[in-house]
Amino acid sequence: MTEQLHFSELWPHWPELLAGLWVTVQLTVLATIGGLAIGILGAAIRSGRPGMLSRVWGGYVEIIRNTPFVVQLFFIVFGLPNLGLKMTAGEAALLAMVVNLGAYSTEIVRAGIR
């Protein structure tokens, strides 16, 4: 392999790269806020007395934590439109990130409570 990345070829494209970076930062901040809110709510539900809601939330956490993120993203991007939920690519990415981070945050916050 003799091919190398030549940064001089990227210089003309910096405006597009910075625009993409800004979208990434926005998605990350929004997903973190949404995921932590879901995680705190889920930890409160899971730390309370055992009941049906706690079991359902536990099922959500286990399913999300045990499937690859790309599978979740594919389900949201390709599966939800078949159910009549139309969304943009950015909305689908944000939803997938919030759902994923919410499950992981639930366990992190719950472990901190105990």
PDB file of N, CA and C in Angstrom:
ATOM      1  N   MET A   1       0.833  -1.174   0.000  1.00  0.00           N
ATOM      2  CA  MET A   1       0.000   0.000   0.000  1.00  0.00           C
ATOM      3  C   MET A   1       0.882   1.243   0.000  1.00  0.00           C
ATOM      4  N   THR A   2       0.816   1.957  -1.046  1.00  0.00           N
ATOM      5  CA  THR A   2       1.610   3.174  -1.138  1.00  0.00           C
ATOM      6  C   THR A   2       0.744   4.426  -1.134  1.00  0.00           C
ATOM      7  N   GLU A   3      -0.574   4.262  -1.057  1.00  0.00           N
ATOM      8  CA  GLU A   3      -1.450   5.426  -1.049  1.00  0.00           C
ATOM      9  C   GLU A   3      -1.403   6.101   0.313  1.00  0.00           C
ATOM     10  N   GLN A   4      -1.397   7.414   0.293  1.00  0.00           N
ATOM     11  CA  GLN A   4      -1.371   8.193   1.517  1.00  0.00           C
ATOM     12  C   GLN A   4      -2.423   9.287   1.443  1.00  0.00           C
ATOM     13  N   LEU A   5      -2.788   9.758   2.605  1.00  0.00           N
ATOM     14  CA  LEU A   5      -3.719  10.877   2.664  1.00  0.00           C
ATOM     15  C   LEU A   5      -2.933  12.170   2.488  1.00  0.00           C
ATOM     16  N   HIS A   6      -3.323  12.937   1.513  1.00  0.00           N
ATOM     17  CA  HIS A   6      -2.666  14.213   1.247  1.00  0.00           C
ATOM     18  C   HIS A   6      -3.566  15.333   1.775  1.00  0.00           C
ATOM     19  N   PHE A   7      -3.137  15.937   2.860  1.00  0.00           N
ATOM     20  CA  PHE A   7      -3.942  16.984   3.482  1.00  0.00           C
ATOM     21  C   PHE A   7      -4.099  18.209   2.590  1.00  0.00           C
ATOM     22  N   SER A   8      -3.179  18.397   1.678  1.00  0.00           N
ATOM     23  CA  SER A   8      -3.290  19.549   0.779  1.00  0.00           C
ATOM     24  C   SER A   8      -4.549  19.451  -0.095  1.00  0.00           C
ATOM     25  N   GLU A   9      -5.026  18.246  -0.334  1.00  0.00           N
ATOM     26  CA  GLU A   9      -6.245  18.068  -1.119  1.00  0.00           C
ATOM     27  C   GLU A   9      -7.504  18.366  -0.305  1.00  0.00           C
ATOM     28  N   LEU A  10      -7.374  18.387   1.016  1.00  0.00           N
ATOM     29  CA  LEU A  10      -8.523  18.658   1.874  1.00  0.00           C
ATOM     30  C   LEU A  10      -8.772  20.148   2.094  1.00  0.00           C
ATOM     31  N   TRP A  11      -7.735  20.970   1.944  1.00  0.00           N
ATOM     32  CA  TRP A  11      -7.873  22.401   2.229  1.00  0.00           C
ATOM     33  C   TRP A  11      -9.041  23.065   1.508  1.00  0.00           C
ATOM     34  N   PRO A  12      -9.294  22.785   0.258  1.00  0.00           N
ATOM     35  CA  PRO A  12     -10.436  23.453  -0.397  1.00  0.00           C
ATOM     36  C   PRO A  12     -11.795  23.056   0.196  1.00  0.00           C
ATOM     37  N   HIS A  13     -11.834  21.970   0.960  1.00  0.00           N
ATOM     38  CA  HIS A  13     -13.098  21.439   1.474  1.00  0.00           C
ATOM     39  C   HIS A  13     -13.322  21.745   2.953  1.00  0.00           C
ATOM     40  N   TRP A  14     -12.497  22.616   3.543  1.00  0.00           N
ATOM     41  CA  TRP A  14     -12.645  22.927   4.959  1.00  0.00           C
ATOM     42  C   TRP A  14     -14.016  23.475   5.324  1.00  0.00           C
ATOM     43  N   PRO A  15     -14.638  24.323   4.520  1.00  0.00           N
ATOM     44  CA  PRO A  15     -15.980  24.807   4.906  1.00  0.00           C
ATOM     45  C   PRO A  15     -16.997  23.665   5.072  1.00  0.00           C
ATOM     46  N   GLU A  16     -16.957  22.700   4.168  1.00  0.00           N
ATOM     47  CA  GLU A  16     -17.876  21.561   4.284  1.00  0.00           C
ATOM     48  C   GLU A  16     -17.543  20.714   5.507  1.00  0.00           C
ATOM     49  N   LEU A  17     -16.257  20.520   5.771  1.00  0.00           N
ATOM     50  CA  LEU A  17     -15.852  19.731   6.932  1.00  0.00           C
ATOM     51  C   LEU A  17     -16.271  20.416   8.231  1.00  0.00           C
ATOM     52  N   LEU A  18     -16.127  21.727   8.300  1.00  0.00           N
ATOM     53  CA  LEU A  18     -16.538  22.459   9.496  1.00  0.00           C
ATOM     54  C   LEU A  18     -18.054  22.439   9.669  1.00  0.00           C
ATOM     55  N   ALA A  19     -18.793  22.490   8.569  1.00  0.00           N
ATOM     56  CA  ALA A  19     -20.250  22.387   8.658  1.00  0.00           C
ATOM     57  C   ALA A  19     -20.650  21.018   9.206  1.00  0.00           C
ATOM     58  N   GLY A  20     -19.979  19.980   8.745  1.00  0.00           N
ATOM     59  CA  GLY A  20     -20.240  18.639   9.263  1.00  0.00           C
ATOM     60  C   GLY A  20     -19.870  18.506  10.727  1.00  0.00           C
ATOM     61  N   LEU A  21     -18.789  19.153  11.125  1.00  0.00           N
ATOM     62  CA  LEU A  21     -18.380  19.141  12.535  1.00  0.00           C
ATOM     63  C   LEU A  21     -19.440  19.812  13.396  1.00  0.00           C
ATOM     64  N   TRP A  22     -19.999  20.907  12.912  1.00  0.00           N
ATOM     65  CA  TRP A  22     -21.034  21.614  13.662  1.00  0.00           C
ATOM     66  C   TRP A  22     -22.278  20.738  13.835  1.00  0.00           C
ATOM     67  N   VAL A  23     -22.674  20.018  12.804  1.00  0.00           N
ATOM     68  CA  VAL A  23     -23.819  19.106  12.906  1.00  0.00           C
ATOM     69  C   VAL A  23     -23.523  18.005  13.927  1.00  0.00           C
ATOM     70  N   THR A  24     -22.304  17.493  13.914  1.00  0.00           N
ATOM     71  CA  THR A  24     -21.910  16.459  14.870  1.00  0.00           C
ATOM     72  C   THR A  24     -21.988  16.970  16.302  1.00  0.00           C
ATOM     73  N   VAL A  25     -21.516  18.174  16.533  1.00  0.00           N
ATOM     74  CA  VAL A  25     -21.568  18.760  17.877  1.00  0.00           C
ATOM     75  C   VAL A  25     -23.019  18.947  18.317  1.00  0.00           C
ATOM     76  N   GLN A  26     -23.868  19.446  17.431  1.00  0.00           N
ATOM     77  CA  GLN A  26     -25.282  19.631  17.767  1.00  0.00           C
ATOM     78  C   GLN A  26     -25.951  18.302  18.112  1.00  0.00           C
ATOM     79  N   LEU A  27     -25.730  17.286  17.291  1.00  0.00           N
ATOM     80  CA  LEU A  27     -26.320  15.970  17.561  1.00  0.00           C
ATOM     81  C   LEU A  27     -25.824  15.407  18.887  1.00  0.00           C
ATOM     82  N   THR A  28     -24.545  15.567  19.158  1.00  0.00           N
ATOM     83  CA  THR A  28     -23.972  15.040  20.390  1.00  0.00           C
ATOM     84  C   THR A  28     -24.573  15.715  21.617  1.00  0.00           C
ATOM     85  N   VAL A  29     -24.681  17.029  21.588  1.00  0.00           N
ATOM     86  CA  VAL A  29     -25.237  17.758  22.733  1.00  0.00           C
ATOM     87  C   VAL A  29     -26.701  17.383  22.950  1.00  0.00           C
ATOM     88  N   LEU A  30     -27.494  17.386  21.892  1.00  0.00           N
ATOM     89  CA  LEU A  30     -28.911  17.047  22.021  1.00  0.00           C
ATOM     90  C   LEU A  30     -29.110  15.602  22.472  1.00  0.00           C
ATOM     91  N   ALA A  31     -28.324  14.677  21.928  1.00  0.00           N
ATOM     92  CA  ALA A  31     -28.445  13.268  22.316  1.00  0.00           C
ATOM     93  C   ALA A  31     -28.029  13.067  23.765  1.00  0.00           C
ATOM     94  N   THR A  32     -27.020  13.784  24.210  1.00  0.00           N
ATOM     95  CA  THR A  32     -26.577  13.662  25.598  1.00  0.00           C
ATOM     96  C   THR A  32     -27.651  14.168  26.552  1.00  0.00           C
ATOM     97  N   ILE A  33     -28.240  15.304  26.243  1.00  0.00           N
ATOM     98  CA  ILE A  33     -29.303  15.848  27.097  1.00  0.00           C
ATOM     99  C   ILE A  33     -30.499  14.894  27.136  1.00  0.00           C
ATOM    100  N   GLY A  34     -30.953  14.452  25.968  1.00  0.00           N
ATOM    101  CA  GLY A  34     -32.090  13.539  25.912  1.00  0.00           C
ATOM    102  C   GLY A  34     -31.798  12.190  26.545  1.00  0.00           C
ATOM    103  N   GLY A  35     -30.616  11.645  26.263  1.00  0.00           N
ATOM    104  CA  GLY A  35     -30.247  10.345  26.811  1.00  0.00           C
ATOM    105  C   GLY A  35     -30.095  10.368  28.319  1.00  0.00           C
ATOM    106  N   LEU A  36     -29.521  11.444  28.850  1.00  0.00           N
ATOM    107  CA  LEU A  36     -29.385  11.547  30.302  1.00  0.00           C
ATOM    108  C   LEU A  36     -30.736  11.722  30.980  1.00  0.00           C
ATOM    109  N   ALA A  37     -31.635  12.466  30.359  1.00  0.00           N
ATOM    110  CA  ALA A  37     -32.978  12.614  30.922  1.00  0.00           C
ATOM    111  C   ALA A  37     -33.682  11.256  30.982  1.00  0.00           C
ATOM    112  N   ILE A  38     -33.591  10.496  29.907  1.00  0.00           N
ATOM    113  CA  ILE A  38     -34.181   9.153  29.893  1.00  0.00           C
ATOM    114  C   ILE A  38     -33.474   8.259  30.904  1.00  0.00           C
ATOM    115  N   GLY A  39     -32.159   8.369  30.989  1.00  0.00           N
ATOM    116  CA  GLY A  39     -31.392   7.555  31.924  1.00  0.00           C
ATOM    117  C   GLY A  39     -31.752   7.826  33.372  1.00  0.00           C
ATOM    118  N   ILE A  40     -31.930   9.092  33.730  1.00  0.00           N
ATOM    119  CA  ILE A  40     -32.304   9.436  35.107  1.00  0.00           C
ATOM    120  C   ILE A  40     -33.702   8.916  35.417  1.00  0.00           C
ATOM    121  N   LEU A  41     -34.620   9.098  34.484  1.00  0.00           N
ATOM    122  CA  LEU A  41     -35.975   8.573  34.664  1.00  0.00           C
ATOM    123  C   LEU A  41     -35.946   7.049  34.790  1.00  0.00           C
ATOM    124  N   GLY A  42     -35.203   6.401  33.909  1.00  0.00           N
ATOM    125  CA  GLY A  42     -35.115   4.939  33.946  1.00  0.00           C
ATOM    126  C   GLY A  42     -34.468   4.422  35.215  1.00  0.00           C
ATOM    127  N   ALA A  43     -33.444   5.111  35.697  1.00  0.00           N
ATOM    128  CA  ALA A  43     -32.788   4.687  36.935  1.00  0.00           C
ATOM    129  C   ALA A  43     -33.736   4.815  38.118  1.00  0.00           C
ATOM    130  N   ALA A  44     -34.546   5.866  38.124  1.00  0.00           N
ATOM    131  CA  ALA A  44     -35.526   6.025  39.197  1.00  0.00           C
ATOM    132  C   ALA A  44     -36.559   4.904  39.149  1.00  0.00           C
ATOM    133  N   ILE A  45     -36.989   4.554  37.960  1.00  0.00           N
ATOM    134  CA  ILE A  45     -37.965   3.465  37.811  1.00  0.00           C
ATOM    135  C   ILE A  45     -37.348   2.138  38.225  1.00  0.00           C
ATOM    136  N   ARG A  46     -36.123   1.875  37.772  1.00  0.00           N
ATOM    137  CA  ARG A  46     -35.483   0.584  38.049  1.00  0.00           C
ATOM    138  C   ARG A  46     -35.012   0.463  39.499  1.00  0.00           C
ATOM    139  N   SER A  47     -34.781   1.572  40.181  1.00  0.00           N
ATOM    140  CA  SER A  47     -34.306   1.516  41.564  1.00  0.00           C
ATOM    141  C   SER A  47     -35.447   1.413  42.560  1.00  0.00           C
ATOM    142  N   GLY A  48     -36.644   1.697  42.121  1.00  0.00           N
ATOM    143  CA  GLY A  48     -37.808   1.606  42.998  1.00  0.00           C
ATOM    144  C   GLY A  48     -38.188   0.151  43.233  1.00  0.00           C
ATOM    145  N   ARG A  49     -39.372  -0.009  43.779  1.00  0.00           N
ATOM    146  CA  ARG A  49     -39.804  -1.384  44.045  1.00  0.00           C
ATOM    147  C   ARG A  49     -40.081  -2.099  42.723  1.00  0.00           C
ATOM    148  N   PRO A  50     -39.808  -3.396  42.695  1.00  0.00           N
ATOM    149  CA  PRO A  50     -40.010  -4.149  41.451  1.00  0.00           C
ATOM    150  C   PRO A  50     -41.488  -4.160  41.053  1.00  0.00           C
ATOM    151  N   GLY A  51     -41.716  -3.956  39.807  1.00  0.00           N
ATOM    152  CA  GLY A  51     -43.077  -3.966  39.289  1.00  0.00           C
ATOM    153  C   GLY A  51     -43.035  -4.144  37.784  1.00  0.00           C
ATOM    154  N   MET A  52     -44.189  -4.042  37.186  1.00  0.00           N
ATOM    155  CA  MET A  52     -44.291  -4.240  35.743  1.00  0.00           C
ATOM    156  C   MET A  52     -43.498  -3.186  34.980  1.00  0.00           C
ATOM    157  N   LEU A  53     -43.594  -1.923  35.390  1.00  0.00           N
ATOM    158  CA  LEU A  53     -42.878  -0.854  34.703  1.00  0.00           C
ATOM    159  C   LEU A  53     -41.369  -1.059  34.792  1.00  0.00           C
ATOM    160  N   SER A  54     -40.897  -1.505  35.943  1.00  0.00           N
ATOM    161  CA  SER A  54     -39.468  -1.777  36.115  1.00  0.00           C
ATOM    162  C   SER A  54     -39.011  -2.907  35.198  1.00  0.00           C
ATOM    163  N   ARG A  55     -39.833  -3.923  35.047  1.00  0.00           N
ATOM    164  CA  ARG A  55     -39.488  -5.043  34.158  1.00  0.00           C
ATOM    165  C   ARG A  55     -39.482  -4.611  32.693  1.00  0.00           C
ATOM    166  N   VAL A  56     -40.462  -3.815  32.309  1.00  0.00           N
ATOM    167  CA  VAL A  56     -40.521  -3.324  30.927  1.00  0.00           C
ATOM    168  C   VAL A  56     -39.303  -2.455  30.636  1.00  0.00           C
ATOM    169  N   TRP A  57     -38.976  -1.561  31.568  1.00  0.00           N
ATOM    170  CA  TRP A  57     -37.804  -0.702  31.375  1.00  0.00           C
ATOM    171  C   TRP A  57     -36.530  -1.546  31.328  1.00  0.00           C
ATOM    172  N   GLY A  58     -36.463  -2.576  32.165  1.00  0.00           N
ATOM    173  CA  GLY A  58     -35.310  -3.478  32.133  1.00  0.00           C
ATOM    174  C   GLY A  58     -35.191  -4.198  30.801  1.00  0.00           C
ATOM    175  N   GLY A  59     -36.329  -4.560  30.209  1.00  0.00           N
ATOM    176  CA  GLY A  59     -36.308  -5.182  28.887  1.00  0.00           C
ATOM    177  C   GLY A  59     -35.781  -4.237  27.827  1.00  0.00           C
ATOM    178  N   TYR A  60     -36.220  -2.981  27.896  1.00  0.00           N
ATOM    179  CA  TYR A  60     -35.708  -1.960  26.966  1.00  0.00           C
ATOM    180  C   TYR A  60     -34.197  -1.835  27.101  1.00  0.00           C
ATOM    181  N   VAL A  61     -33.713  -1.744  28.333  1.00  0.00           N
ATOM    182  CA  VAL A  61     -32.272  -1.589  28.570  1.00  0.00           C
ATOM    183  C   VAL A  61     -31.511  -2.791  28.028  1.00  0.00           C
ATOM    184  N   GLU A  62     -31.995  -3.983  28.298  1.00  0.00           N
ATOM    185  CA  GLU A  62     -31.291  -5.191  27.841  1.00  0.00           C
ATOM    186  C   GLU A  62     -31.289  -5.303  26.320  1.00  0.00           C
ATOM    187  N   ILE A  63     -32.422  -5.017  25.695  1.00  0.00           N
ATOM    188  CA  ILE A  63     -32.482  -5.109  24.228  1.00  0.00           C
ATOM    189  C   ILE A  63     -31.537  -4.102  23.584  1.00  0.00           C
ATOM    190  N   ILE A  64     -31.575  -2.867  24.054  1.00  0.00           N
ATOM    191  CA  ILE A  64     -30.740  -1.828  23.451  1.00  0.00           C
ATOM    192  C   ILE A  64     -29.263  -2.095  23.715  1.00  0.00           C
ATOM    193  N   ARG A  65     -28.925  -2.502  24.928  1.00  0.00           N
ATOM    194  CA  ARG A  65     -27.512  -2.722  25.247  1.00  0.00           C
ATOM    195  C   ARG A  65     -26.944  -3.963  24.562  1.00  0.00           C
ATOM    196  N   ASN A  66     -27.807  -4.883  24.155  1.00  0.00           N
ATOM    197  CA  ASN A  66     -27.327  -6.128  23.549  1.00  0.00           C
ATOM    198  C   ASN A  66     -27.503  -6.180  22.037  1.00  0.00           C
ATOM    199  N   THR A  67     -27.825  -5.065  21.429  1.00  0.00           N
ATOM    200  CA  THR A  67     -27.854  -5.003  19.967  1.00  0.00           C
ATOM    201  C   THR A  67     -26.864  -3.942  19.509  1.00  0.00           C
ATOM    202  N   PRO A  68     -26.217  -4.168  18.402  1.00  0.00           N
ATOM    203  CA  PRO A  68     -25.275  -3.160  17.892  1.00  0.00           C
ATOM    204  C   PRO A  68     -26.001  -1.866  17.523  1.00  0.00           C
ATOM    205  N   PHE A  69     -25.313  -0.762  17.715  1.00  0.00           N
ATOM    206  CA  PHE A  69     -25.901   0.550  17.409  1.00  0.00           C
ATOM    207  C   PHE A  69     -26.337   0.638  15.955  1.00  0.00           C
ATOM    208  N   VAL A  70     -25.564   0.058  15.056  1.00  0.00           N
ATOM    209  CA  VAL A  70     -25.915   0.151  13.631  1.00  0.00           C
ATOM    210  C   VAL A  70     -27.227  -0.584  13.348  1.00  0.00           C
ATOM    211  N   VAL A  71     -27.527  -1.647  14.076  1.00  0.00           N
ATOM    212  CA  VAL A  71     -28.805  -2.351  13.915  1.00  0.00           C
ATOM    213  C   VAL A  71     -29.948  -1.456  14.392  1.00  0.00           C
ATOM    214  N   GLN A  72     -29.742  -0.784  15.514  1.00  0.00           N
ATOM    215  CA  GLN A  72     -30.757   0.143  16.016  1.00  0.00           C
ATOM    216  C   GLN A  72     -30.988   1.273  15.016  1.00  0.00           C
ATOM    217  N   LEU A  73     -29.901   1.792  14.472  1.00  0.00           N
ATOM    218  CA  LEU A  73     -29.998   2.875  13.492  1.00  0.00           C
ATOM    219  C   LEU A  73     -30.734   2.407  12.238  1.00  0.00           C
ATOM    220  N   PHE A  74     -30.422   1.212  11.756  1.00  0.00           N
ATOM    221  CA  PHE A  74     -31.115   0.677  10.580  1.00  0.00           C
ATOM    222  C   PHE A  74     -32.608   0.490  10.862  1.00  0.00           C
ATOM    223  N   PHE A  75     -32.937   0.001  12.057  1.00  0.00           N
ATOM    224  CA  PHE A  75     -34.345  -0.178  12.409  1.00  0.00           C
ATOM    225  C   PHE A  75     -35.076   1.162  12.379  1.00  0.00           C
ATOM    226  N   ILE A  76     -34.448   2.191  12.924  1.00  0.00           N
ATOM    227  CA  ILE A  76     -35.091   3.506  12.963  1.00  0.00           C
ATOM    228  C   ILE A  76     -35.184   4.112  11.566  1.00  0.00           C
ATOM    229  N   VAL A  77     -34.104   4.016  10.794  1.00  0.00           N
ATOM    230  CA  VAL A  77     -34.081   4.641   9.466  1.00  0.00           C
ATOM    231  C   VAL A  77     -34.982   3.903   8.479  1.00  0.00           C
ATOM    232  N   PHE A  78     -34.968   2.568   8.505  1.00  0.00           N
ATOM    233  CA  PHE A  78     -35.715   1.795   7.506  1.00  0.00           C
ATOM    234  C   PHE A  78     -37.002   1.176   8.044  1.00  0.00           C
ATOM    235  N   GLY A  79     -37.069   0.911   9.346  1.00  0.00           N
ATOM    236  CA  GLY A  79     -38.236   0.251   9.909  1.00  0.00           C
ATOM    237  C   GLY A  79     -39.368   1.194  10.262  1.00  0.00           C
ATOM    238  N   LEU A  80     -39.042   2.296  10.917  1.00  0.00           N
ATOM    239  CA  LEU A  80     -40.090   3.218  11.348  1.00  0.00           C
ATOM    240  C   LEU A  80     -40.860   3.854  10.191  1.00  0.00           C
ATOM    241  N   PRO A  81     -40.221   4.177   9.065  1.00  0.00           N
ATOM    242  CA  PRO A  81     -41.017   4.702   7.941  1.00  0.00           C
ATOM    243  C   PRO A  81     -42.075   3.709   7.443  1.00  0.00           C
ATOM    244  N   ASN A  82     -41.820   2.417   7.596  1.00  0.00           N
ATOM    245  CA  ASN A  82     -42.823   1.421   7.208  1.00  0.00           C
ATOM    246  C   ASN A  82     -44.029   1.436   8.139  1.00  0.00           C
ATOM    247  N   LEU A  83     -43.837   1.990   9.345  1.00  0.00           N
ATOM    248  CA  LEU A  83     -44.939   2.121  10.294  1.00  0.00           C
ATOM    249  C   LEU A  83     -45.628   3.479  10.178  1.00  0.00           C
ATOM    250  N   GLY A  84     -45.196   4.284   9.207  1.00  0.00           N
ATOM    251  CA  GLY A  84     -45.811   5.582   8.978  1.00  0.00           C
ATOM    252  C   GLY A  84     -45.098   6.748   9.635  1.00  0.00           C
ATOM    253  N   LEU A  85     -43.973   6.505  10.282  1.00  0.00           N
ATOM    254  CA  LEU A  85     -43.209   7.576  10.926  1.00  0.00           C
ATOM    255  C   LEU A  85     -42.122   8.066   9.985  1.00  0.00           C
ATOM    256  N   LYS A  86     -42.373   9.174   9.336  1.00  0.00           N
ATOM    257  CA  LYS A  86     -41.388   9.748   8.417  1.00  0.00           C
ATOM    258  C   LYS A  86     -40.519  10.740   9.181  1.00  0.00           C
ATOM    259  N   MET A  87     -39.214  10.696   8.949  1.00  0.00           N
ATOM    260  CA  MET A  87     -38.302  11.637   9.590  1.00  0.00           C
ATOM    261  C   MET A  87     -37.088  11.861   8.715  1.00  0.00           C
ATOM    262  N   THR A  88     -36.415  12.969   8.967  1.00  0.00           N
ATOM    263  CA  THR A  88     -35.202  13.271   8.213  1.00  0.00           C
ATOM    264  C   THR A  88     -34.058  12.409   8.729  1.00  0.00           C
ATOM    265  N   ALA A  89     -32.956  12.420   8.010  1.00  0.00           N
ATOM    266  CA  ALA A  89     -31.787  11.652   8.438  1.00  0.00           C
ATOM    267  C   ALA A  89     -31.264  12.156   9.776  1.00  0.00           C
ATOM    268  N   GLY A  90     -31.267  13.459   9.972  1.00  0.00           N
ATOM    269  CA  GLY A  90     -30.804  14.027  11.242  1.00  0.00           C
ATOM    270  C   GLY A  90     -31.697  13.634  12.401  1.00  0.00           C
ATOM    271  N   GLU A  91     -33.009  13.649  12.179  1.00  0.00           N
ATOM    272  CA  GLU A  91     -33.943  13.236  13.228  1.00  0.00           C
ATOM    273  C   GLU A  91     -33.780  11.760  13.561  1.00  0.00           C
ATOM    274  N   ALA A  92     -33.573  10.932  12.544  1.00  0.00           N
ATOM    275  CA  ALA A  92     -33.369   9.501  12.773  1.00  0.00           C
ATOM    276  C   ALA A  92     -32.080   9.258  13.549  1.00  0.00           C
ATOM    277  N   ALA A  93     -31.023   9.964  13.189  1.00  0.00           N
ATOM    278  CA  ALA A  93     -29.756   9.820  13.907  1.00  0.00           C
ATOM    279  C   ALA A  93     -29.910  10.253  15.356  1.00  0.00           C
ATOM    280  N   LEU A  94     -30.589  11.364  15.581  1.00  0.00           N
ATOM    281  CA  LEU A  94     -30.792  11.855  16.944  1.00  0.00           C
ATOM    282  C   LEU A  94     -31.623  10.871  17.757  1.00  0.00           C
ATOM    283  N   LEU A  95     -32.686  10.349  17.186  1.00  0.00           N
ATOM    284  CA  LEU A  95     -33.523   9.379  17.891  1.00  0.00           C
ATOM    285  C   LEU A  95     -32.727   8.134  18.254  1.00  0.00           C
ATOM    286  N   ALA A  96     -31.949   7.619  17.320  1.00  0.00           N
ATOM    287  CA  ALA A  96     -31.140   6.428  17.596  1.00  0.00           C
ATOM    288  C   ALA A  96     -30.131   6.696  18.707  1.00  0.00           C
ATOM    289  N   MET A  97     -29.507   7.859  18.674  1.00  0.00           N
ATOM    290  CA  MET A  97     -28.521   8.191  19.704  1.00  0.00           C
ATOM    291  C   MET A  97     -29.175   8.361  21.070  1.00  0.00           C
ATOM    292  N   VAL A  98     -30.344   8.988  21.122  1.00  0.00           N
ATOM    293  CA  VAL A  98     -31.042   9.187  22.395  1.00  0.00           C
ATOM    294  C   VAL A  98     -31.496   7.850  22.969  1.00  0.00           C
ATOM    295  N   VAL A  99     -32.068   7.000  22.146  1.00  0.00           N
ATOM    296  CA  VAL A  99     -32.525   5.684  22.612  1.00  0.00           C
ATOM    297  C   VAL A  99     -31.346   4.875  23.145  1.00  0.00           C
ATOM    298  N   ASN A 100     -30.233   4.882  22.425  1.00  0.00           N
ATOM    299  CA  ASN A 100     -29.050   4.132  22.837  1.00  0.00           C
ATOM    300  C   ASN A 100     -28.456   4.704  24.118  1.00  0.00           C
ATOM    301  N   LEU A 101     -28.258   5.998  24.157  1.00  0.00           N
ATOM    302  CA  LEU A 101     -27.662   6.623  25.334  1.00  0.00           C
ATOM    303  C   LEU A 101     -28.585   6.525  26.540  1.00  0.00           C
ATOM    304  N   GLY A 102     -29.890   6.550  26.306  1.00  0.00           N
ATOM    305  CA  GLY A 102     -30.837   6.403  27.404  1.00  0.00           C
ATOM    306  C   GLY A 102     -30.703   5.066  28.104  1.00  0.00           C
ATOM    307  N   ALA A 103     -30.515   4.004  27.343  1.00  0.00           N
ATOM    308  CA  ALA A 103     -30.355   2.676  27.942  1.00  0.00           C
ATOM    309  C   ALA A 103     -29.052   2.583  28.731  1.00  0.00           C
ATOM    310  N   TYR A 104     -27.973   3.046  28.156  1.00  0.00           N
ATOM    311  CA  TYR A 104     -26.694   2.998  28.862  1.00  0.00           C
ATOM    312  C   TYR A 104     -26.704   3.916  30.082  1.00  0.00           C
ATOM    313  N   SER A 105     -27.307   5.091  29.953  1.00  0.00           N
ATOM    314  CA  SER A 105     -27.359   6.027  31.080  1.00  0.00           C
ATOM    315  C   SER A 105     -28.203   5.476  32.220  1.00  0.00           C
ATOM    316  N   THR A 106     -29.245   4.737  31.892  1.00  0.00           N
ATOM    317  CA  THR A 106     -30.060   4.122  32.937  1.00  0.00           C
ATOM    318  C   THR A 106     -29.201   3.259  33.843  1.00  0.00           C
ATOM    319  N   GLU A 107     -28.382   2.416  33.257  1.00  0.00           N
ATOM    320  CA  GLU A 107     -27.545   1.530  34.065  1.00  0.00           C
ATOM    321  C   GLU A 107     -26.446   2.290  34.806  1.00  0.00           C
ATOM    322  N   ILE A 108     -25.884   3.303  34.188  1.00  0.00           N
ATOM    323  CA  ILE A 108     -24.829   4.078  34.842  1.00  0.00           C
ATOM    324  C   ILE A 108     -25.388   4.829  36.049  1.00  0.00           C
ATOM    325  N   VAL A 109     -26.525   5.494  35.865  1.00  0.00           N
ATOM    326  CA  VAL A 109     -27.126   6.245  36.968  1.00  0.00           C
ATOM    327  C   VAL A 109     -27.630   5.293  38.044  1.00  0.00           C
ATOM    328  N   ARG A 110     -28.218   4.182  37.649  1.00  0.00           N
ATOM    329  CA  ARG A 110     -28.711   3.202  38.632  1.00  0.00           C
ATOM    330  C   ARG A 110     -27.574   2.647  39.469  1.00  0.00           C
ATOM    331  N   ALA A 111     -26.430   2.390  38.841  1.00  0.00           N
ATOM    332  CA  ALA A 111     -25.261   1.912  39.592  1.00  0.00           C
ATOM    333  C   ALA A 111     -24.772   2.988  40.559  1.00  0.00           C
ATOM    334  N   GLY A 112     -24.878   4.254  40.170  1.00  0.00           N
ATOM    335  CA  GLY A 112     -24.477   5.337  41.057  1.00  0.00           C
ATOM    336  C   GLY A 112     -25.417   5.496  42.241  1.00  0.00           C
ATOM    337  N   ILE A 113     -26.691   5.185  42.048  1.00  0.00           N
ATOM    338  CA  ILE A 113     -27.668   5.279  43.135  1.00  0.00           C
ATOM    339  C   ILE A 113     -27.410   4.202  44.176  1.00  0.00           C
ATOM    340  N   ARG A 114     -27.056   3.028  43.717  1.00  0.00           N
ATOM    341  CA  ARG A 114     -26.819   1.923  44.649  1.00  0.00           C
ATOM    342  C   ARG A 114     -25.516   2.117  45.272  1.00  0.00           C
TER     343      ARG A 114
END
